[in-house]
C-alpha atoms as a PDB file:
ATOM      1  CA  UNK A   1      -6.246  -1.795 -20.791  1.00  0.00           C
ATOM      2  CA  UNK A   2      -9.215  -3.947 -19.785  1.00  0.00           C
ATOM      3  CA  UNK A   3     -11.464  -0.891 -19.593  1.00  0.00           C
ATOM      4  CA  UNK A   4     -10.271   0.421 -22.959  1.00  0.00           C
ATOM      5  CA  UNK A   5     -10.926  -2.960 -24.556  1.00  0.00           C
ATOM      6  CA  UNK A   6     -14.409  -3.341 -23.035  1.00  0.00           C
ATOM      7  CA  UNK A   7     -15.755   0.231 -23.177  1.00  0.00           C
ATOM      8  CA  UNK A   8     -17.363  -0.331 -26.565  1.00  0.00           C
ATOM      9  CA  UNK A   9     -19.509  -3.122 -25.099  1.00  0.00           C
ATOM     10  CA  UNK A  10     -21.035  -1.027 -22.278  1.00  0.00           C
ATOM     11  CA  UNK A  11     -24.693  -0.209 -22.760  1.00  0.00           C
ATOM     12  CA  UNK A  12     -27.089   1.241 -20.214  1.00  0.00           C
ATOM     13  CA  UNK A  13     -30.106  -1.065 -20.332  1.00  0.00           C
ATOM     14  CA  UNK A  14     -32.096   0.508 -17.500  1.00  0.00           C
ATOM     15  CA  UNK A  15     -31.797   3.004 -14.624  1.00  0.00           C
ATOM     16  CA  UNK A  16     -30.423   0.386 -12.219  1.00  0.00           C
ATOM     17  CA  UNK A  17     -27.304  -0.160 -14.317  1.00  0.00           C
ATOM     18  CA  UNK A  18     -24.629   2.357 -13.378  1.00  0.00           C
ATOM     19  CA  UNK A  19     -21.409   2.973 -15.258  1.00  0.00           C
ATOM     20  CA  UNK A  20     -19.391   2.786 -12.041  1.00  0.00           C
ATOM     21  CA  UNK A  21     -20.748  -0.733 -11.347  1.00  0.00           C
ATOM     22  CA  UNK A  22     -19.775  -1.871 -14.826  1.00  0.00           C
ATOM     23  CA  UNK A  23     -16.383  -0.196 -14.447  1.00  0.00           C
ATOM     24  CA  UNK A  24     -15.850  -1.839 -11.064  1.00  0.00           C
ATOM     25  CA  UNK A  25     -16.656  -5.273 -12.512  1.00  0.00           C
ATOM     26  CA  UNK A  26     -14.281  -4.780 -15.469  1.00  0.00           C
ATOM     27  CA  UNK A  27     -11.508  -3.504 -13.180  1.00  0.00           C
ATOM     28  CA  UNK A  28     -12.047  -6.364 -10.711  1.00  0.00           C
ATOM     29  CA  UNK A  29     -11.900  -8.952 -13.487  1.00  0.00           C
ATOM     30  CA  UNK A  30      -8.765  -7.314 -14.886  1.00  0.00           C
ATOM     31  CA  UNK A  31      -7.086  -7.412 -11.482  1.00  0.00           C
ATOM     32  CA  UNK A  32      -8.024 -11.046 -10.922  1.00  0.00           C
ATOM     33  CA  UNK A  33      -6.810 -11.989 -14.416  1.00  0.00           C
ATOM     34  CA  UNK A  34      -3.509 -10.189 -13.871  1.00  0.00           C
ATOM     35  CA  UNK A  35      -2.958 -11.855 -10.508  1.00  0.00           C
ATOM     36  CA  UNK A  36      -3.846 -15.326 -11.713  1.00  0.00           C
ATOM     37  CA  UNK A  37      -2.079 -15.202 -15.093  1.00  0.00           C
ATOM     38  CA  UNK A  38       0.317 -18.114 -15.463  1.00  0.00           C
ATOM     39  CA  UNK A  39       3.730 -17.663 -17.108  1.00  0.00           C
ATOM     40  CA  UNK A  40       4.190 -19.437 -20.438  1.00  0.00           C
ATOM     41  CA  UNK A  41       7.372 -21.223 -19.353  1.00  0.00           C
ATOM     42  CA  UNK A  42       5.917 -22.771 -16.236  1.00  0.00           C
ATOM     43  CA  UNK A  43       7.983 -25.587 -14.763  1.00  0.00           C
ATOM     44  CA  UNK A  44       6.439 -29.030 -14.254  1.00  0.00           C
ATOM     45  CA  UNK A  45       6.148 -30.682 -10.864  1.00  0.00           C
ATOM     46  CA  UNK A  46       4.793 -29.716  -7.490  1.00  0.00           C
ATOM     47  CA  UNK A  47       6.298 -27.069  -5.277  1.00  0.00           C
ATOM     48  CA  UNK A  48       5.615 -25.689  -1.847  1.00  0.00           C
ATOM     49  CA  UNK A  49       4.392 -22.496  -3.542  1.00  0.00           C
ATOM     50  CA  UNK A  50       1.645 -24.427  -5.341  1.00  0.00           C
ATOM     51  CA  UNK A  51       0.599 -25.984  -2.040  1.00  0.00           C
ATOM     52  CA  UNK A  52       0.540 -22.561  -0.413  1.00  0.00           C
ATOM     53  CA  UNK A  53      -1.605 -21.168  -3.234  1.00  0.00           C
ATOM     54  CA  UNK A  54      -3.992 -24.116  -2.936  1.00  0.00           C
ATOM     55  CA  UNK A  55      -4.493 -23.274   0.740  1.00  0.00           C
ATOM     56  CA  UNK A  56      -5.625 -19.785  -0.266  1.00  0.00           C
ATOM     57  CA  UNK A  57      -8.065 -20.737  -2.999  1.00  0.00           C
ATOM     58  CA  UNK A  58     -10.647 -18.251  -1.713  1.00  0.00           C
ATOM     59  CA  UNK A  59      -8.775 -15.287  -3.200  1.00  0.00           C
ATOM     60  CA  UNK A  60     -11.800 -14.083  -5.167  1.00  0.00           C
ATOM     61  CA  UNK A  61     -13.853 -13.417  -2.024  1.00  0.00           C
ATOM     62  CA  UNK A  62     -10.922 -11.607  -0.449  1.00  0.00           C
ATOM     63  CA  UNK A  63     -10.394  -9.560  -3.623  1.00  0.00           C
ATOM     64  CA  UNK A  64     -14.072  -8.630  -3.697  1.00  0.00           C
ATOM     65  CA  UNK A  65     -13.894  -7.537  -0.079  1.00  0.00           C
ATOM     66  CA  UNK A  66     -10.775  -5.431  -0.715  1.00  0.00           C
ATOM     67  CA  UNK A  67     -12.300  -3.789  -3.791  1.00  0.00           C
ATOM     68  CA  UNK A  68     -15.525  -3.046  -1.888  1.00  0.00           C
ATOM     69  CA  UNK A  69     -13.569  -1.625   1.049  1.00  0.00           C
ATOM     70  CA  UNK A  70     -11.565   0.641  -1.244  1.00  0.00           C
ATOM     71  CA  UNK A  71     -14.754   1.752  -3.024  1.00  0.00           C
ATOM     72  CA  UNK A  72     -16.401   2.629   0.322  1.00  0.00           C
ATOM     73  CA  UNK A  73     -13.260   4.435   1.504  1.00  0.00           C
ATOM     74  CA  UNK A  74     -13.197   6.533  -1.660  1.00  0.00           C
ATOM     75  CA  UNK A  75     -16.901   7.374  -1.274  1.00  0.00           C
ATOM     76  CA  UNK A  76     -16.292   8.489   2.314  1.00  0.00           C
ATOM     77  CA  UNK A  77     -13.318  10.668   1.344  1.00  0.00           C
ATOM     78  CA  UNK A  78     -15.268  12.380  -1.439  1.00  0.00           C
ATOM     79  CA  UNK A  79     -18.293  12.949   0.793  1.00  0.00           C
ATOM     80  CA  UNK A  80     -16.099  14.183   3.657  1.00  0.00           C
ATOM     81  CA  UNK A  81     -14.516  16.861   1.441  1.00  0.00           C
ATOM     82  CA  UNK A  82     -17.950  18.205   0.541  1.00  0.00           C
ATOM     83  CA  UNK A  83     -19.414  18.079   4.044  1.00  0.00           C
ATOM     84  CA  UNK A  84     -16.344  19.509   5.776  1.00  0.00           C
ATOM     85  CA  UNK A  85     -16.560  22.677   3.671  1.00  0.00           C
ATOM     86  CA  UNK A  86     -20.147  23.290   4.806  1.00  0.00           C
ATOM     87  CA  UNK A  87     -19.733  22.909   8.570  1.00  0.00           C
ATOM     88  CA  UNK A  88     -17.967  24.859  11.295  1.00  0.00           C
ATOM     89  CA  UNK A  89     -14.418  23.704  12.001  1.00  0.00           C
ATOM     90  CA  UNK A  90     -15.181  22.779  15.635  1.00  0.00           C
ATOM     91  CA  UNK A  91     -18.200  20.728  14.520  1.00  0.00           C
ATOM     92  CA  UNK A  92     -16.029  18.805  12.066  1.00  0.00           C
ATOM     93  CA  UNK A  93     -13.337  18.372  14.709  1.00  0.00           C
ATOM     94  CA  UNK A  94     -15.892  16.911  17.160  1.00  0.00           C
ATOM     95  CA  UNK A  95     -16.915  14.358  14.523  1.00  0.00           C
ATOM     96  CA  UNK A  96     -13.334  13.583  13.591  1.00  0.00           C
ATOM     97  CA  UNK A  97     -12.236  13.073  17.192  1.00  0.00           C
ATOM     98  CA  UNK A  98     -15.154  10.855  18.213  1.00  0.00           C
ATOM     99  CA  UNK A  99     -15.649   8.817  15.042  1.00  0.00           C
ATOM    100  CA  UNK A 100     -12.358   8.742  13.149  1.00  0.00           C
ATOM    101  CA  UNK A 101      -9.918   8.980  16.072  1.00  0.00           C
ATOM    102  CA  UNK A 102     -12.176   6.973  18.434  1.00  0.00           C
ATOM    103  CA  UNK A 103     -11.874   9.548  21.208  1.00  0.00           C
ATOM    104  CA  UNK A 104     -14.548   9.369  23.902  1.00  0.00           C
ATOM    105  CA  UNK A 105     -17.373  11.915  23.863  1.00  0.00           C
ATOM    106  CA  UNK A 106     -16.338  13.180  27.311  1.00  0.00           C
ATOM    107  CA  UNK A 107     -12.697  13.665  26.272  1.00  0.00           C
ATOM    108  CA  UNK A 108     -13.717  15.469  23.081  1.00  0.00           C
ATOM    109  CA  UNK A 109     -16.032  17.758  25.071  1.00  0.00           C
ATOM    110  CA  UNK A 110     -13.190  18.688  27.415  1.00  0.00           C
ATOM    111  CA  UNK A 111     -10.651  19.218  24.628  1.00  0.00           C
ATOM    112  CA  UNK A 112     -13.037  21.309  22.522  1.00  0.00           C
ATOM    113  CA  UNK A 113     -14.509  23.152  25.530  1.00  0.00           C
ATOM    114  CA  UNK A 114     -18.033  22.070  24.510  1.00  0.00           C
ATOM    115  CA  UNK A 115     -20.814  20.280  26.326  1.00  0.00           C
ATOM    116  CA  UNK A 116     -21.298  16.548  25.877  1.00  0.00           C
ATOM    117  CA  UNK A 117     -24.649  17.316  24.253  1.00  0.00           C
ATOM    118  CA  UNK A 118     -22.971  19.596  21.706  1.00  0.00           C
ATOM    119  CA  UNK A 119     -20.511  16.855  20.805  1.00  0.00           C
ATOM    120  CA  UNK A 120     -23.305  14.299  20.320  1.00  0.00           C
ATOM    121  CA  UNK A 121     -25.304  16.766  18.211  1.00  0.00           C
ATOM    122  CA  UNK A 122     -22.297  17.713  16.070  1.00  0.00           C
ATOM    123  CA  UNK A 123     -21.383  14.087  15.479  1.00  0.00           C
ATOM    124  CA  UNK A 124     -24.959  13.184  14.605  1.00  0.00           C
ATOM    125  CA  UNK A 125     -25.309  16.073  12.132  1.00  0.00           C
ATOM    126  CA  UNK A 126     -22.070  15.192  10.363  1.00  0.00           C
ATOM    127  CA  UNK A 127     -22.936  11.488  10.123  1.00  0.00           C
ATOM    128  CA  UNK A 128     -26.357  12.329   8.675  1.00  0.00           C
ATOM    129  CA  UNK A 129     -24.805  14.730   6.141  1.00  0.00           C
ATOM    130  CA  UNK A 130     -22.184  12.144   5.154  1.00  0.00           C
ATOM    131  CA  UNK A 131     -24.852   9.486   4.607  1.00  0.00           C
ATOM    132  CA  UNK A 132     -26.863  11.865   2.436  1.00  0.00           C
ATOM    133  CA  UNK A 133     -23.804  12.878   0.427  1.00  0.00           C
ATOM    134  CA  UNK A 134     -22.730   9.255  -0.103  1.00  0.00           C
ATOM    135  CA  UNK A 135     -26.243   8.400  -1.248  1.00  0.00           C
ATOM    136  CA  UNK A 136     -26.077  11.232  -3.784  1.00  0.00           C
ATOM    137  CA  UNK A 137     -22.657  10.117  -4.995  1.00  0.00           C
ATOM    138  CA  UNK A 138     -23.934   6.581  -5.509  1.00  0.00           C
ATOM    139  CA  UNK A 139     -26.928   7.816  -7.489  1.00  0.00           C
ATOM    140  CA  UNK A 140     -24.819   9.970  -9.799  1.00  0.00           C
END
């Protein structure tokens, strides 16, 4: 609802302003407003819940970090779909085992029946392709 209410105000002033950044800010503000909204029939007096909330006053930084993490995760997943289609299955598997599953290079080489050098090269190629794809996604 926040996006629908604010979409009429969005204007692209220059090339640095991206719609996704504006959308992220509107969504973040909507989430924060929804989480911090107070009920109209709020009781008077202190409670242990209020004290607990006061201890966690830095919610905005944590929310920003969570939103950024989710944004980065979504970028990775989109880039991974594109890159995975363009590479050999064993090359993707070498990357997946050593980066995503945190398997050692030596163990991956044994399991995939490849040399250690092949595993390093495959992993390096995939990481470079992912970086390039993420950069393109962020530009668009």
